[in-house]
Amino acid sequence: KFLRALPTKWHLKVTAIQEYKDLSTLLLEELIGNLKAYEVVLEKDSETSKNKKEKYKSLALKAKKVSSAEEASSSDSEDEEYAMAVRDFKKFFRRRGKFIRQPHDDKKAFRKAK
């Protein structure tokens, strides 16, 4: 009954005691001594893990994007450059006389320019 009342972090030790020793012949003082020794080990482990967490504490920073007038004008100029490139591309194909789009016709969707 005494072993069943222990918290879950003690289950490993309880299982080891149950498998290793005959509980009907185990003295209460011996059982308490084993559990106290295990408690000291648990405390040392928790201190060690706590120190490691403090030693390697990491930080996460959030970045905010601040749009300045210079950045806004550069994005506007990029949009203008893109629009100019599209216009030049369309002009190039119109001058070459290839694939001029005609109204939808049942026979041909595209025809060559004369």
PDB file of N, CA and C in Angstrom:
ATOM      1  N   LYS A   1       0.828  -1.194   0.000  1.00  0.00           N
ATOM      2  CA  LYS A   1       0.000   0.000   0.000  1.00  0.00           C
ATOM      3  C   LYS A   1       0.865   1.247   0.000  1.00  0.00           C
ATOM      4  N   PHE A   2       1.943   1.187   0.706  1.00  0.00           N
ATOM      5  CA  PHE A   2       2.833   2.335   0.825  1.00  0.00           C
ATOM      6  C   PHE A   2       3.426   2.698  -0.537  1.00  0.00           C
ATOM      7  N   LEU A   3       3.818   1.714  -1.323  1.00  0.00           N
ATOM      8  CA  LEU A   3       4.432   1.967  -2.630  1.00  0.00           C
ATOM      9  C   LEU A   3       3.422   2.504  -3.638  1.00  0.00           C
ATOM     10  N   ARG A   4       2.177   2.089  -3.529  1.00  0.00           N
ATOM     11  CA  ARG A   4       1.146   2.564  -4.463  1.00  0.00           C
ATOM     12  C   ARG A   4       0.784   4.026  -4.234  1.00  0.00           C
ATOM     13  N   ALA A   5       1.056   4.550  -3.065  1.00  0.00           N
ATOM     14  CA  ALA A   5       0.700   5.927  -2.733  1.00  0.00           C
ATOM     15  C   ALA A   5       1.732   6.942  -3.234  1.00  0.00           C
ATOM     16  N   LEU A   6       2.856   6.470  -3.742  1.00  0.00           N
ATOM     17  CA  LEU A   6       3.907   7.389  -4.200  1.00  0.00           C
ATOM     18  C   LEU A   6       3.519   8.069  -5.506  1.00  0.00           C
ATOM     19  N   PRO A   7       4.042   9.283  -5.756  1.00  0.00           N
ATOM     20  CA  PRO A   7       3.735  10.008  -7.003  1.00  0.00           C
ATOM     21  C   PRO A   7       4.272   9.285  -8.242  1.00  0.00           C
ATOM     22  N   THR A   8       3.846   9.743  -9.406  1.00  0.00           N
ATOM     23  CA  THR A   8       4.198   9.059 -10.662  1.00  0.00           C
ATOM     24  C   THR A   8       5.689   9.099 -10.969  1.00  0.00           C
ATOM     25  N   LYS A   9       6.405  10.128 -10.536  1.00  0.00           N
ATOM     26  CA  LYS A   9       7.836  10.177 -10.838  1.00  0.00           C
ATOM     27  C   LYS A   9       8.610   9.089 -10.084  1.00  0.00           C
ATOM     28  N   TRP A  10       7.973   8.433  -9.140  1.00  0.00           N
ATOM     29  CA  TRP A  10       8.603   7.363  -8.366  1.00  0.00           C
ATOM     30  C   TRP A  10       8.307   5.974  -8.933  1.00  0.00           C
ATOM     31  N   HIS A  11       7.509   5.875  -9.979  1.00  0.00           N
ATOM     32  CA  HIS A  11       7.092   4.563 -10.487  1.00  0.00           C
ATOM     33  C   HIS A  11       8.266   3.688 -10.913  1.00  0.00           C
ATOM     34  N   LEU A  12       9.322   4.283 -11.451  1.00  0.00           N
ATOM     35  CA  LEU A  12      10.486   3.485 -11.845  1.00  0.00           C
ATOM     36  C   LEU A  12      11.107   2.787 -10.639  1.00  0.00           C
ATOM     37  N   LYS A  13      11.267   3.512  -9.566  1.00  0.00           N
ATOM     38  CA  LYS A  13      11.860   2.940  -8.351  1.00  0.00           C
ATOM     39  C   LYS A  13      10.938   1.892  -7.738  1.00  0.00           C
ATOM     40  N   VAL A  14       9.649   2.159  -7.714  1.00  0.00           N
ATOM     41  CA  VAL A  14       8.681   1.208  -7.162  1.00  0.00           C
ATOM     42  C   VAL A  14       8.729  -0.100  -7.941  1.00  0.00           C
ATOM     43  N   THR A  15       8.774  -0.001  -9.260  1.00  0.00           N
ATOM     44  CA  THR A  15       8.840  -1.202 -10.098  1.00  0.00           C
ATOM     45  C   THR A  15      10.124  -1.972  -9.826  1.00  0.00           C
ATOM     46  N   ALA A  16      11.233  -1.270  -9.689  1.00  0.00           N
ATOM     47  CA  ALA A  16      12.511  -1.929  -9.417  1.00  0.00           C
ATOM     48  C   ALA A  16      12.478  -2.645  -8.069  1.00  0.00           C
ATOM     49  N   ILE A  17      11.905  -2.008  -7.065  1.00  0.00           N
ATOM     50  CA  ILE A  17      11.823  -2.628  -5.737  1.00  0.00           C
ATOM     51  C   ILE A  17      10.927  -3.858  -5.789  1.00  0.00           C
ATOM     52  N   GLN A  18       9.805  -3.771  -6.474  1.00  0.00           N
ATOM     53  CA  GLN A  18       8.876  -4.900  -6.554  1.00  0.00           C
ATOM     54  C   GLN A  18       9.502  -6.084  -7.278  1.00  0.00           C
ATOM     55  N   GLU A  19      10.280  -5.830  -8.310  1.00  0.00           N
ATOM     56  CA  GLU A  19      10.888  -6.926  -9.065  1.00  0.00           C
ATOM     57  C   GLU A  19      12.107  -7.510  -8.348  1.00  0.00           C
ATOM     58  N   TYR A  20      12.847  -6.673  -7.642  1.00  0.00           N
ATOM     59  CA  TYR A  20      14.105  -7.103  -7.047  1.00  0.00           C
ATOM     60  C   TYR A  20      13.915  -7.828  -5.719  1.00  0.00           C
ATOM     61  N   LYS A  21      12.970  -7.372  -4.907  1.00  0.00           N
ATOM     62  CA  LYS A  21      12.852  -7.904  -3.550  1.00  0.00           C
ATOM     63  C   LYS A  21      11.463  -8.486  -3.292  1.00  0.00           C
ATOM     64  N   ASP A  22      11.433  -9.406  -2.369  1.00  0.00           N
ATOM     65  CA  ASP A  22      10.170  -9.975  -1.905  1.00  0.00           C
ATOM     66  C   ASP A  22       9.587  -8.998  -0.889  1.00  0.00           C
ATOM     67  N   LEU A  23       8.464  -8.405  -1.228  1.00  0.00           N
ATOM     68  CA  LEU A  23       7.894  -7.345  -0.399  1.00  0.00           C
ATOM     69  C   LEU A  23       7.381  -7.849   0.954  1.00  0.00           C
ATOM     70  N   SER A  24       7.072  -9.124   1.059  1.00  0.00           N
ATOM     71  CA  SER A  24       6.566  -9.640   2.334  1.00  0.00           C
ATOM     72  C   SER A  24       7.685  -9.739   3.373  1.00  0.00           C
ATOM     73  N   THR A  25       8.930  -9.904   2.926  1.00  0.00           N
ATOM     74  CA  THR A  25      10.042 -10.005   3.874  1.00  0.00           C
ATOM     75  C   THR A  25      10.843  -8.710   3.986  1.00  0.00           C
ATOM     76  N   LEU A  26      10.512  -7.709   3.184  1.00  0.00           N
ATOM     77  CA  LEU A  26      11.251  -6.444   3.179  1.00  0.00           C
ATOM     78  C   LEU A  26      10.894  -5.627   4.417  1.00  0.00           C
ATOM     79  N   LEU A  27      11.915  -5.198   5.144  1.00  0.00           N
ATOM     80  CA  LEU A  27      11.687  -4.380   6.333  1.00  0.00           C
ATOM     81  C   LEU A  27      11.299  -2.966   5.918  1.00  0.00           C
ATOM     82  N   LEU A  28      10.456  -2.334   6.716  1.00  0.00           N
ATOM     83  CA  LEU A  28       9.984  -0.986   6.425  1.00  0.00           C
ATOM     84  C   LEU A  28      11.140   0.013   6.446  1.00  0.00           C
ATOM     85  N   GLU A  29      12.088  -0.168   7.391  1.00  0.00           N
ATOM     86  CA  GLU A  29      13.232   0.740   7.467  1.00  0.00           C
ATOM     87  C   GLU A  29      14.086   0.651   6.201  1.00  0.00           C
ATOM     88  N   GLU A  30      14.263  -0.556   5.690  1.00  0.00           N
ATOM     89  CA  GLU A  30      15.059  -0.750   4.469  1.00  0.00           C
ATOM     90  C   GLU A  30      14.357  -0.099   3.266  1.00  0.00           C
ATOM     91  N   LEU A  31      13.057  -0.252   3.204  1.00  0.00           N
ATOM     92  CA  LEU A  31      12.283   0.361   2.123  1.00  0.00           C
ATOM     93  C   LEU A  31      12.377   1.885   2.189  1.00  0.00           C
ATOM     94  N   ILE A  32      12.223   2.445   3.367  1.00  0.00           N
ATOM     95  CA  ILE A  32      12.304   3.898   3.528  1.00  0.00           C
ATOM     96  C   ILE A  32      13.708   4.392   3.190  1.00  0.00           C
ATOM     97  N   GLY A  33      14.735   3.639   3.576  1.00  0.00           N
ATOM     98  CA  GLY A  33      16.112   4.009   3.244  1.00  0.00           C
ATOM     99  C   GLY A  33      16.334   4.043   1.738  1.00  0.00           C
ATOM    100  N   ASN A  34      15.819   3.037   1.022  1.00  0.00           N
ATOM    101  CA  ASN A  34      15.934   3.014  -0.444  1.00  0.00           C
ATOM    102  C   ASN A  34      15.217   4.204  -1.072  1.00  0.00           C
ATOM    103  N   LEU A  35      14.035   4.512  -0.556  1.00  0.00           N
ATOM    104  CA  LEU A  35      13.263   5.619  -1.117  1.00  0.00           C
ATOM    105  C   LEU A  35      13.911   6.970  -0.827  1.00  0.00           C
ATOM    106  N   LYS A  36      14.524   7.130   0.358  1.00  0.00           N
ATOM    107  CA  LYS A  36      15.222   8.382   0.672  1.00  0.00           C
ATOM    108  C   LYS A  36      16.433   8.564  -0.241  1.00  0.00           C
ATOM    109  N   ALA A  37      17.157   7.489  -0.487  1.00  0.00           N
ATOM    110  CA  ALA A  37      18.314   7.567  -1.390  1.00  0.00           C
ATOM    111  C   ALA A  37      17.853   7.957  -2.796  1.00  0.00           C
ATOM    112  N   TYR A  38      16.749   7.389  -3.227  1.00  0.00           N
ATOM    113  CA  TYR A  38      16.217   7.723  -4.555  1.00  0.00           C
ATOM    114  C   TYR A  38      15.747   9.176  -4.602  1.00  0.00           C
ATOM    115  N   GLU A  39      15.207   9.670  -3.488  1.00  0.00           N
ATOM    116  CA  GLU A  39      14.761  11.063  -3.422  1.00  0.00           C
ATOM    117  C   GLU A  39      15.945  12.015  -3.595  1.00  0.00           C
ATOM    118  N   VAL A  40      17.080  11.687  -2.997  1.00  0.00           N
ATOM    119  CA  VAL A  40      18.281  12.515  -3.141  1.00  0.00           C
ATOM    120  C   VAL A  40      18.726  12.530  -4.601  1.00  0.00           C
ATOM    121  N   VAL A  41      18.681  11.376  -5.248  1.00  0.00           N
ATOM    122  CA  VAL A  41      19.060  11.289  -6.667  1.00  0.00           C
ATOM    123  C   VAL A  41      18.116  12.139  -7.521  1.00  0.00           C
ATOM    124  N   LEU A  42      16.820  12.088  -7.244  1.00  0.00           N
ATOM    125  CA  LEU A  42      15.850  12.896  -7.989  1.00  0.00           C
ATOM    126  C   LEU A  42      16.110  14.386  -7.811  1.00  0.00           C
ATOM    127  N   GLU A  43      16.434  14.799  -6.586  1.00  0.00           N
ATOM    128  CA  GLU A  43      16.709  16.216  -6.332  1.00  0.00           C
ATOM    129  C   GLU A  43      17.952  16.683  -7.078  1.00  0.00           C
ATOM    130  N   LYS A  44      18.996  15.857  -7.099  1.00  0.00           N
ATOM    131  CA  LYS A  44      20.218  16.221  -7.828  1.00  0.00           C
ATOM    132  C   LYS A  44      19.941  16.327  -9.322  1.00  0.00           C
ATOM    133  N   ASP A  45      19.157  15.395  -9.837  1.00  0.00           N
ATOM    134  CA  ASP A  45      18.814  15.437 -11.266  1.00  0.00           C
ATOM    135  C   ASP A  45      18.017  16.690 -11.609  1.00  0.00           C
ATOM    136  N   SER A  46      17.082  17.061 -10.740  1.00  0.00           N
ATOM    137  CA  SER A  46      16.277  18.253 -11.021  1.00  0.00           C
ATOM    138  C   SER A  46      17.131  19.515 -10.942  1.00  0.00           C
ATOM    139  N   GLU A  47      18.087  19.563 -10.000  1.00  0.00           N
ATOM    140  CA  GLU A  47      18.998  20.711  -9.918  1.00  0.00           C
ATOM    141  C   GLU A  47      19.864  20.807 -11.166  1.00  0.00           C
ATOM    142  N   THR A  48      20.373  19.675 -11.613  1.00  0.00           N
ATOM    143  CA  THR A  48      21.222  19.652 -12.803  1.00  0.00           C
ATOM    144  C   THR A  48      20.454  20.117 -14.025  1.00  0.00           C
ATOM    145  N   SER A  49      19.245  19.622 -14.192  1.00  0.00           N
ATOM    146  CA  SER A  49      18.455  20.030 -15.357  1.00  0.00           C
ATOM    147  C   SER A  49      18.054  21.504 -15.260  1.00  0.00           C
ATOM    148  N   LYS A  50      17.806  21.988 -14.050  1.00  0.00           N
ATOM    149  CA  LYS A  50      17.457  23.397 -13.863  1.00  0.00           C
ATOM    150  C   LYS A  50      18.644  24.289 -14.211  1.00  0.00           C
ATOM    151  N   ASN A  51      19.843  23.894 -13.797  1.00  0.00           N
ATOM    152  CA  ASN A  51      21.048  24.664 -14.114  1.00  0.00           C
ATOM    153  C   ASN A  51      21.309  24.679 -15.615  1.00  0.00           C
ATOM    154  N   LYS A  52      21.074  23.570 -16.280  1.00  0.00           N
ATOM    155  CA  LYS A  52      21.268  23.515 -17.734  1.00  0.00           C
ATOM    156  C   LYS A  52      20.287  24.435 -18.438  1.00  0.00           C
ATOM    157  N   LYS A  53      19.061  24.473 -17.966  1.00  0.00           N
ATOM    158  CA  LYS A  53      18.060  25.348 -18.575  1.00  0.00           C
ATOM    159  C   LYS A  53      18.454  26.808 -18.404  1.00  0.00           C
ATOM    160  N   GLU A  54      18.948  27.160 -17.221  1.00  0.00           N
ATOM    161  CA  GLU A  54      19.365  28.541 -16.979  1.00  0.00           C
ATOM    162  C   GLU A  54      20.598  28.893 -17.796  1.00  0.00           C
ATOM    163  N   LYS A  55      21.497  27.941 -17.944  1.00  0.00           N
ATOM    164  CA  LYS A  55      22.744  28.187 -18.660  1.00  0.00           C
ATOM    165  C   LYS A  55      22.495  28.420 -20.138  1.00  0.00           C
ATOM    166  N   TYR A  56      21.588  27.679 -20.710  1.00  0.00           N
ATOM    167  CA  TYR A  56      21.327  27.754 -22.144  1.00  0.00           C
ATOM    168  C   TYR A  56      19.979  28.386 -22.447  1.00  0.00           C
ATOM    169  N   LYS A  57      19.664  29.424 -21.763  1.00  0.00           N
ATOM    170  CA  LYS A  57      18.388  30.094 -21.984  1.00  0.00           C
ATOM    171  C   LYS A  57      18.431  30.814 -23.325  1.00  0.00           C
ATOM    172  N   SER A  58      17.443  30.592 -24.138  1.00  0.00           N
ATOM    173  CA  SER A  58      17.423  31.210 -25.465  1.00  0.00           C
ATOM    174  C   SER A  58      16.357  32.295 -25.517  1.00  0.00           C
ATOM    175  N   LEU A  59      16.577  33.214 -26.414  1.00  0.00           N
ATOM    176  CA  LEU A  59      15.652  34.326 -26.585  1.00  0.00           C
ATOM    177  C   LEU A  59      15.108  34.318 -27.997  1.00  0.00           C
ATOM    178  N   ALA A  60      13.886  34.730 -28.139  1.00  0.00           N
ATOM    179  CA  ALA A  60      13.281  34.885 -29.461  1.00  0.00           C
ATOM    180  C   ALA A  60      12.843  36.335 -29.594  1.00  0.00           C
ATOM    181  N   LEU A  61      13.211  36.928 -30.693  1.00  0.00           N
ATOM    182  CA  LEU A  61      12.862  38.322 -30.921  1.00  0.00           C
ATOM    183  C   LEU A  61      11.865  38.418 -32.056  1.00  0.00           C
ATOM    184  N   LYS A  62      10.953  39.350 -31.935  1.00  0.00           N
ATOM    185  CA  LYS A  62      10.005  39.597 -33.010  1.00  0.00           C
ATOM    186  C   LYS A  62      10.473  40.815 -33.782  1.00  0.00           C
ATOM    187  N   ALA A  63      10.448  40.687 -35.079  1.00  0.00           N
ATOM    188  CA  ALA A  63      10.878  41.800 -35.922  1.00  0.00           C
ATOM    189  C   ALA A  63       9.657  42.480 -36.514  1.00  0.00           C
ATOM    190  N   LYS A  64       9.695  43.783 -36.518  1.00  0.00           N
ATOM    191  CA  LYS A  64       8.625  44.554 -37.134  1.00  0.00           C
ATOM    192  C   LYS A  64       9.196  45.235 -38.352  1.00  0.00           C
ATOM    193  N   LYS A  65       8.471  45.175 -39.435  1.00  0.00           N
ATOM    194  CA  LYS A  65       8.934  45.824 -40.652  1.00  0.00           C
ATOM    195  C   LYS A  65       8.381  47.239 -40.661  1.00  0.00           C
ATOM    196  N   VAL A  66       9.298  48.173 -40.679  1.00  0.00           N
ATOM    197  CA  VAL A  66       8.924  49.577 -40.720  1.00  0.00           C
ATOM    198  C   VAL A  66       9.160  50.055 -42.135  1.00  0.00           C
ATOM    199  N   SER A  67       8.111  50.484 -42.763  1.00  0.00           N
ATOM    200  CA  SER A  67       8.206  50.934 -44.145  1.00  0.00           C
ATOM    201  C   SER A  67       8.559  52.410 -44.161  1.00  0.00           C
ATOM    202  N   SER A  68       9.697  52.696 -44.726  1.00  0.00           N
ATOM    203  CA  SER A  68      10.099  54.095 -44.832  1.00  0.00           C
ATOM    204  C   SER A  68       9.695  54.624 -46.200  1.00  0.00           C
ATOM    205  N   ALA A  69       9.799  55.907 -46.382  1.00  0.00           N
ATOM    206  CA  ALA A  69       9.437  56.530 -47.660  1.00  0.00           C
ATOM    207  C   ALA A  69      10.361  56.040 -48.766  1.00  0.00           C
ATOM    208  N   GLU A  70      11.628  55.794 -48.420  1.00  0.00           N
ATOM    209  CA  GLU A  70      12.593  55.323 -49.413  1.00  0.00           C
ATOM    210  C   GLU A  70      12.229  53.927 -49.916  1.00  0.00           C
ATOM    211  N   GLU A  71      11.843  53.031 -48.985  1.00  0.00           N
ATOM    212  CA  GLU A  71      11.449  51.683 -49.376  1.00  0.00           C
ATOM    213  C   GLU A  71      10.176  51.706 -50.208  1.00  0.00           C
ATOM    214  N   ALA A  72       9.229  52.554 -49.850  1.00  0.00           N
ATOM    215  CA  ALA A  72       7.972  52.645 -50.589  1.00  0.00           C
ATOM    216  C   ALA A  72       8.223  53.128 -52.007  1.00  0.00           C
ATOM    217  N   SER A  73       9.099  54.109 -52.162  1.00  0.00           N
ATOM    218  CA  SER A  73       9.377  54.619 -53.508  1.00  0.00           C
ATOM    219  C   SER A  73      10.117  53.578 -54.335  1.00  0.00           C
ATOM    220  N   SER A  74      10.982  52.771 -53.687  1.00  0.00           N
ATOM    221  CA  SER A  74      11.695  51.739 -54.440  1.00  0.00           C
ATOM    222  C   SER A  74      10.738  50.646 -54.903  1.00  0.00           C
ATOM    223  N   SER A  75       9.730  50.300 -54.081  1.00  0.00           N
ATOM    224  CA  SER A  75       8.765  49.291 -54.511  1.00  0.00           C
ATOM    225  C   SER A  75       7.885  49.836 -55.633  1.00  0.00           C
ATOM    226  N   ASP A  76       7.562  51.140 -55.579  1.00  0.00           N
ATOM    227  CA  ASP A  76       6.791  51.754 -56.660  1.00  0.00           C
ATOM    228  C   ASP A  76       7.588  51.743 -57.952  1.00  0.00           C
ATOM    229  N   SER A  77       8.873  52.043 -57.864  1.00  0.00           N
ATOM    230  CA  SER A  77       9.697  52.054 -59.075  1.00  0.00           C
ATOM    231  C   SER A  77       9.847  50.643 -59.638  1.00  0.00           C
ATOM    232  N   GLU A  78       9.896  49.635 -58.771  1.00  0.00           N
ATOM    233  CA  GLU A  78       9.959  48.250 -59.242  1.00  0.00           C
ATOM    234  C   GLU A  78       8.679  47.889 -59.990  1.00  0.00           C
ATOM    235  N   ASP A  79       7.533  48.331 -59.485  1.00  0.00           N
ATOM    236  CA  ASP A  79       6.265  48.077 -60.164  1.00  0.00           C
ATOM    237  C   ASP A  79       6.242  48.752 -61.531  1.00  0.00           C
ATOM    238  N   GLU A  80       6.751  49.969 -61.594  1.00  0.00           N
ATOM    239  CA  GLU A  80       6.791  50.683 -62.872  1.00  0.00           C
ATOM    240  C   GLU A  80       7.713  49.978 -63.862  1.00  0.00           C
ATOM    241  N   GLU A  81       8.861  49.492 -63.375  1.00  0.00           N
ATOM    242  CA  GLU A  81       9.790  48.770 -64.245  1.00  0.00           C
ATOM    243  C   GLU A  81       9.136  47.505 -64.793  1.00  0.00           C
ATOM    244  N   TYR A  82       8.401  46.812 -63.953  1.00  0.00           N
ATOM    245  CA  TYR A  82       7.717  45.595 -64.382  1.00  0.00           C
ATOM    246  C   TYR A  82       6.680  45.919 -65.458  1.00  0.00           C
ATOM    247  N   ALA A  83       5.904  46.975 -65.249  1.00  0.00           N
ATOM    248  CA  ALA A  83       4.884  47.370 -66.224  1.00  0.00           C
ATOM    249  C   ALA A  83       5.533  47.749 -67.552  1.00  0.00           C
ATOM    250  N   MET A  84       6.667  48.456 -67.497  1.00  0.00           N
ATOM    251  CA  MET A  84       7.366  48.834 -68.730  1.00  0.00           C
ATOM    252  C   MET A  84       7.884  47.604 -69.459  1.00  0.00           C
ATOM    253  N   ALA A  85       8.389  46.631 -68.737  1.00  0.00           N
ATOM    254  CA  ALA A  85       8.893  45.410 -69.359  1.00  0.00           C
ATOM    255  C   ALA A  85       7.764  44.661 -70.060  1.00  0.00           C
ATOM    256  N   VAL A  86       6.596  44.608 -69.447  1.00  0.00           N
ATOM    257  CA  VAL A  86       5.447  43.936 -70.064  1.00  0.00           C
ATOM    258  C   VAL A  86       5.035  44.664 -71.338  1.00  0.00           C
ATOM    259  N   ARG A  87       5.006  46.005 -71.299  1.00  0.00           N
ATOM    260  CA  ARG A  87       4.657  46.776 -72.500  1.00  0.00           C
ATOM    261  C   ARG A  87       5.664  46.533 -73.620  1.00  0.00           C
ATOM    262  N   ASP A  88       6.951  46.537 -73.283  1.00  0.00           N
ATOM    263  CA  ASP A  88       7.982  46.296 -74.293  1.00  0.00           C
ATOM    264  C   ASP A  88       7.846  44.903 -74.895  1.00  0.00           C
ATOM    265  N   PHE A  89       7.525  43.933 -74.068  1.00  0.00           N
ATOM    266  CA  PHE A  89       7.344  42.565 -74.540  1.00  0.00           C
ATOM    267  C   PHE A  89       6.190  42.488 -75.543  1.00  0.00           C
ATOM    268  N   LYS A  90       5.084  43.144 -75.215  1.00  0.00           N
ATOM    269  CA  LYS A  90       3.932  43.156 -76.125  1.00  0.00           C
ATOM    270  C   LYS A  90       4.280  43.854 -77.432  1.00  0.00           C
ATOM    271  N   LYS A  91       4.989  44.984 -77.356  1.00  0.00           N
ATOM    272  CA  LYS A  91       5.390  45.716 -78.564  1.00  0.00           C
ATOM    273  C   LYS A  91       6.284  44.860 -79.445  1.00  0.00           C
ATOM    274  N   PHE A  92       7.188  44.124 -78.827  1.00  0.00           N
ATOM    275  CA  PHE A  92       8.115  43.286 -79.579  1.00  0.00           C
ATOM    276  C   PHE A  92       7.356  42.276 -80.433  1.00  0.00           C
ATOM    277  N   PHE A  93       6.391  41.602 -79.856  1.00  0.00           N
ATOM    278  CA  PHE A  93       5.653  40.608 -80.623  1.00  0.00           C
ATOM    279  C   PHE A  93       4.729  41.242 -81.655  1.00  0.00           C
ATOM    280  N   ARG A  94       4.226  42.437 -81.383  1.00  0.00           N
ATOM    281  CA  ARG A  94       3.408  43.114 -82.389  1.00  0.00           C
ATOM    282  C   ARG A  94       4.251  43.500 -83.597  1.00  0.00           C
ATOM    283  N   ARG A  95       5.450  44.001 -83.377  1.00  0.00           N
ATOM    284  CA  ARG A  95       6.333  44.405 -84.472  1.00  0.00           C
ATOM    285  C   ARG A  95       6.780  43.220 -85.297  1.00  0.00           C
ATOM    286  N   ARG A  96       7.014  42.111 -84.663  1.00  0.00           N
ATOM    287  CA  ARG A  96       7.492  40.933 -85.374  1.00  0.00           C
ATOM    288  C   ARG A  96       6.391  40.328 -86.236  1.00  0.00           C
ATOM    289  N   GLY A  97       5.163  40.659 -85.946  1.00  0.00           N
ATOM    290  CA  GLY A  97       4.051  40.201 -86.755  1.00  0.00           C
ATOM    291  C   GLY A  97       3.656  38.761 -86.505  1.00  0.00           C
ATOM    292  N   LYS A  98       3.999  38.247 -85.380  1.00  0.00           N
ATOM    293  CA  LYS A  98       3.664  36.852 -85.092  1.00  0.00           C
ATOM    294  C   LYS A  98       2.553  36.787 -84.058  1.00  0.00           C
ATOM    295  N   PHE A  99       1.656  35.904 -84.322  1.00  0.00           N
ATOM    296  CA  PHE A  99       0.601  35.576 -83.376  1.00  0.00           C
ATOM    297  C   PHE A  99      -0.189  36.792 -82.915  1.00  0.00           C
ATOM    298  N   ILE A 100      -0.746  37.501 -83.869  1.00  0.00           N
ATOM    299  CA  ILE A 100      -1.632  38.612 -83.535  1.00  0.00           C
ATOM    300  C   ILE A 100      -2.994  38.016 -83.233  1.00  0.00           C
ATOM    301  N   ARG A 101      -3.538  38.369 -82.132  1.00  0.00           N
ATOM    302  CA  ARG A 101      -4.800  37.786 -81.711  1.00  0.00           C
ATOM    303  C   ARG A 101      -5.938  38.393 -82.515  1.00  0.00           C
ATOM    304  N   GLN A 102      -6.769  37.544 -83.059  1.00  0.00           N
ATOM    305  CA  GLN A 102      -7.927  37.943 -83.843  1.00  0.00           C
ATOM    306  C   GLN A 102      -9.186  37.567 -83.067  1.00  0.00           C
ATOM    307  N   PRO A 103     -10.321  38.113 -83.472  1.00  0.00           N
ATOM    308  CA  PRO A 103     -11.575  37.713 -82.818  1.00  0.00           C
ATOM    309  C   PRO A 103     -11.770  36.206 -82.943  1.00  0.00           C
ATOM    310  N   HIS A 104     -12.459  35.636 -82.016  1.00  0.00           N
ATOM    311  CA  HIS A 104     -12.639  34.189 -81.974  1.00  0.00           C
ATOM    312  C   HIS A 104     -13.328  33.699 -83.246  1.00  0.00           C
ATOM    313  N   ASP A 105     -12.704  32.768 -83.895  1.00  0.00           N
ATOM    314  CA  ASP A 105     -13.215  32.192 -85.132  1.00  0.00           C
ATOM    315  C   ASP A 105     -13.285  30.686 -84.924  1.00  0.00           C
ATOM    316  N   ASP A 106     -14.301  30.046 -85.482  1.00  0.00           N
ATOM    317  CA  ASP A 106     -14.448  28.610 -85.294  1.00  0.00           C
ATOM    318  C   ASP A 106     -13.291  27.835 -85.910  1.00  0.00           C
ATOM    319  N   LYS A 107     -12.729  28.331 -87.032  1.00  0.00           N
ATOM    320  CA  LYS A 107     -11.689  27.586 -87.733  1.00  0.00           C
ATOM    321  C   LYS A 107     -10.332  27.743 -87.065  1.00  0.00           C
ATOM    322  N   LYS A 108      -9.940  28.985 -86.783  1.00  0.00           N
ATOM    323  CA  LYS A 108      -8.612  29.220 -86.224  1.00  0.00           C
ATOM    324  C   LYS A 108      -8.714  30.252 -85.105  1.00  0.00           C
ATOM    325  N   ALA A 109      -8.010  29.995 -84.020  1.00  0.00           N
ATOM    326  CA  ALA A 109      -7.979  30.958 -82.927  1.00  0.00           C
ATOM    327  C   ALA A 109      -6.911  32.007 -83.191  1.00  0.00           C
ATOM    328  N   PHE A 110      -5.822  31.613 -83.841  1.00  0.00           N
ATOM    329  CA  PHE A 110      -4.739  32.532 -84.166  1.00  0.00           C
ATOM    330  C   PHE A 110      -4.417  32.399 -85.646  1.00  0.00           C
ATOM    331  N   ARG A 111      -3.968  33.470 -86.247  1.00  0.00           N
ATOM    332  CA  ARG A 111      -3.503  33.383 -87.624  1.00  0.00           C
ATOM    333  C   ARG A 111      -2.304  34.291 -87.789  1.00  0.00           C
ATOM    334  N   LYS A 112      -1.493  33.995 -88.760  1.00  0.00           N
ATOM    335  CA  LYS A 112      -0.287  34.778 -88.989  1.00  0.00           C
ATOM    336  C   LYS A 112      -0.650  36.100 -89.610  1.00  0.00           C
ATOM    337  N   ALA A 113       0.099  37.121 -89.229  1.00  0.00           N
ATOM    338  CA  ALA A 113      -0.106  38.450 -89.807  1.00  0.00           C
ATOM    339  C   ALA A 113       0.477  38.487 -91.204  1.00  0.00           C
ATOM    340  N   LYS A 114      -0.079  39.328 -92.028  1.00  0.00           N
ATOM    341  CA  LYS A 114       0.393  39.424 -93.412  1.00  0.00           C
ATOM    342  C   LYS A 114       1.551  40.349 -93.539  1.00  0.00           C
TER     343      LYS A 114
END
